[in-house]
Amino acid sequence: MFQEKKDKTPEENLAIAKIQVMMEDAFGLFGAVSGNMTDGQKNADQQRAKDWFESKECEFWCESAGTTHDHILKLFKNLQNNYRTKKITREEVRFGIRRLEKKI
């Protein structure tokens, strides 16, 4: 039986945006601010973002987005693996992250 997904609430959309930013940071896809960052700062921020996915804070944002921590962790790890094994490019990672709401 086919069921339409309900529209996301503003709170769920905010939570999805937070998760997207953390995913982009974990892949080193920083915004405009990165031009002023040293390589050491970029690496530290990237590692902090990767570690965030194993945190209670991530669990909170996943629940707020209307999904489970396990589901987001699986999506994140799949992206990491596909990128690391060169199955997808950096641009495809960014595209996938920006379409995250379609997977939730």
Protein backbone atom coordinates (compact mmCIF):
# COMPACT_ATOMS: atom_id res chain seq x y z
CA MET A 1 0.00 0.00 0.00
CA PHE A 2 1.36 3.42 -0.96
CA GLN A 3 1.38 6.14 1.66
CA GLU A 4 2.27 9.74 1.02
CA LYS A 5 4.84 11.19 3.35
CA LYS A 6 3.50 13.96 5.50
CA ASP A 7 4.89 17.43 5.08
CA LYS A 8 7.70 18.23 7.49
CA THR A 9 7.07 20.71 10.27
CA PRO A 10 9.30 23.81 10.53
CA GLU A 11 11.00 22.16 13.52
CA GLU A 12 11.72 19.00 11.53
CA ASN A 13 13.10 21.10 8.65
CA LEU A 14 15.38 22.95 11.08
CA ALA A 15 16.65 19.67 12.49
CA ILE A 16 17.30 18.31 8.99
CA ALA A 17 19.24 21.47 8.15
CA LYS A 18 21.38 21.01 11.28
CA ILE A 19 22.17 17.41 10.28
CA GLN A 20 22.99 18.54 6.74
CA VAL A 21 25.44 21.17 8.01
CA MET A 22 27.16 18.62 10.22
CA MET A 23 27.43 16.18 7.31
CA GLU A 24 28.89 18.87 5.07
CA ASP A 25 31.39 19.80 7.79
CA ALA A 26 32.32 16.14 8.30
CA PHE A 27 33.22 15.92 4.60
CA GLY A 28 35.09 19.22 4.65
CA LEU A 29 32.45 20.98 2.57
CA PHE A 30 32.72 24.17 4.60
CA GLY A 31 30.92 27.38 3.69
CA ALA A 32 32.39 30.80 3.01
CA VAL A 33 34.02 31.00 6.44
CA SER A 34 36.58 28.33 5.47
CA GLY A 35 38.64 30.86 3.49
CA ASN A 36 39.81 32.32 6.80
CA MET A 37 40.60 28.97 8.43
CA THR A 38 43.98 27.29 8.65
CA ASP A 39 44.32 23.66 7.56
CA GLY A 40 44.60 22.71 11.23
CA GLN A 41 41.33 24.47 12.04
CA LYS A 42 39.59 22.83 9.08
CA ASN A 43 40.83 19.39 10.13
CA ALA A 44 39.75 19.98 13.74
CA ASP A 45 36.29 21.17 12.67
CA GLN A 46 35.95 18.23 10.30
CA GLN A 47 36.84 15.75 13.06
CA ARG A 48 34.45 17.45 15.51
CA ALA A 49 31.66 17.08 12.94
CA LYS A 50 32.47 13.38 12.41
CA ASP A 51 32.48 12.80 16.17
CA TRP A 52 29.14 14.63 16.48
CA PHE A 53 27.38 11.75 14.73
CA GLU A 54 28.17 9.49 17.71
CA SER A 55 26.86 12.01 20.27
CA LYS A 56 23.69 12.45 22.31
CA GLU A 57 23.27 15.83 20.62
CA CYS A 58 23.02 14.06 17.27
CA GLU A 59 20.41 11.71 18.72
CA PHE A 60 18.36 14.74 19.81
CA TRP A 61 18.52 16.34 16.34
CA CYS A 62 17.64 13.05 14.64
CA GLU A 63 14.55 12.66 16.80
CA SER A 64 13.67 16.31 16.14
CA ALA A 65 13.97 15.61 12.40
CA GLY A 66 11.43 12.81 12.68
CA THR A 67 13.91 9.96 12.20
CA THR A 68 16.19 7.73 14.22
CA HIS A 69 19.83 8.16 15.11
CA ASP A 70 20.55 4.74 13.60
CA HIS A 71 19.05 5.77 10.26
CA ILE A 72 21.11 8.97 10.04
CA LEU A 73 24.26 7.15 11.15
CA LYS A 74 23.69 4.54 8.44
CA LEU A 75 23.22 7.22 5.77
CA PHE A 76 26.34 9.06 6.96
CA LYS A 77 28.49 5.92 7.03
CA ASN A 78 27.25 4.88 3.58
CA LEU A 79 28.23 8.29 2.21
CA GLN A 80 31.63 8.03 3.90
CA ASN A 81 32.25 4.56 2.51
CA ASN A 82 31.14 5.43 -1.01
CA TYR A 83 33.31 8.56 -0.99
CA ARG A 84 36.33 6.80 0.51
CA THR A 85 36.11 4.01 -2.11
CA LYS A 86 35.65 6.61 -4.87
CA LYS A 87 32.20 5.32 -5.85
CA ILE A 88 30.98 8.92 -5.60
CA THR A 89 32.66 12.28 -6.06
CA ARG A 90 32.81 15.22 -3.69
CA GLU A 91 30.11 16.93 -5.75
CA GLU A 92 27.88 13.85 -5.48
CA VAL A 93 28.40 13.84 -1.70
CA ARG A 94 27.27 17.46 -1.55
CA PHE A 95 24.27 16.69 -3.78
CA GLY A 96 23.29 13.72 -1.59
CA ILE A 97 23.54 15.76 1.59
CA ARG A 98 21.41 18.53 0.14
CA ARG A 99 18.71 15.97 -0.68
CA LEU A 100 18.82 14.38 2.77
CA GLU A 101 15.19 15.23 3.49
CA LYS A 102 14.16 12.79 0.73
CA LYS A 103 15.69 9.94 2.76
CA ILE A 104 13.94 10.84 6.01
